[in-house]
Amino acid sequence: MSAMRKWIRIVALLGILSVVAASCGSDSEEAAGDFKQCDVGETDGDLAFFNWSEYMDPDLIAAFQDEFGVTVTEDFYPSNEEMFAKISPGGTGYDVIVPSDYMISILRSEGLIQPIQKDAVPNHTNIADKFADPPFDPGNTYTQPYQWGTTGVGVDLGVTGPDIPLTWGLLFRRRPRRAVRPVRQDQPAR
């Protein structure tokens, strides 16, 4: 990994985890409403981080721990629904979670997340305009952008032949069984 790319990843992690530094942690028995707010720059020592597996480079976590003198405990979940079940009242408390966009409104309505203390996140002002006011969290009240991307569509012309029309109709028109099918990134090959 190039030095610049590693630096960008560290900055991204710092942006996420600085929210934690500003917010402190909560015991597993505390509801989000009982959350203790720390002074800017203060932490309660350890950070409980709940994320999708393989979203964060372990070297990045180690660099963060070294730089800020905290211990980051990572737990992983395979779906938003399993994450929701684990953090629901009576579940395990986490300082930082990384849910998908649609889950934010659910977590907010259930009182499971706290607003971000923006004065403790100095890089908040550097968020690109297109990420500063997402429809699932107007004004980034509860979230900070972490990563984004696009979904690619590929066609294996060796299977379909070279004369196939390259349109969205490949996915949405009825075709003979198995002629064209969407494939998820985590789906095993058949």
Foldseek 3Di string as FASTA:
>chain_A
DDPVVLVVLLLLVCLQCLLLQQFEWDFQQDALVPGHGDHQRHYPAEFEEEEAPPPHDPVSQVVVCVVSVHHYHYDYDHAPVVVCVQQQRVHGIGSGYDHDLQCLLVCVVSRRFAFGPVVSRVCLVVDDPVQQQDPSHGRSRGHDDRDDDDDDDDDDCVLQPPPDDPDCCLDVPDDPPPSGYDDDPPHDDD
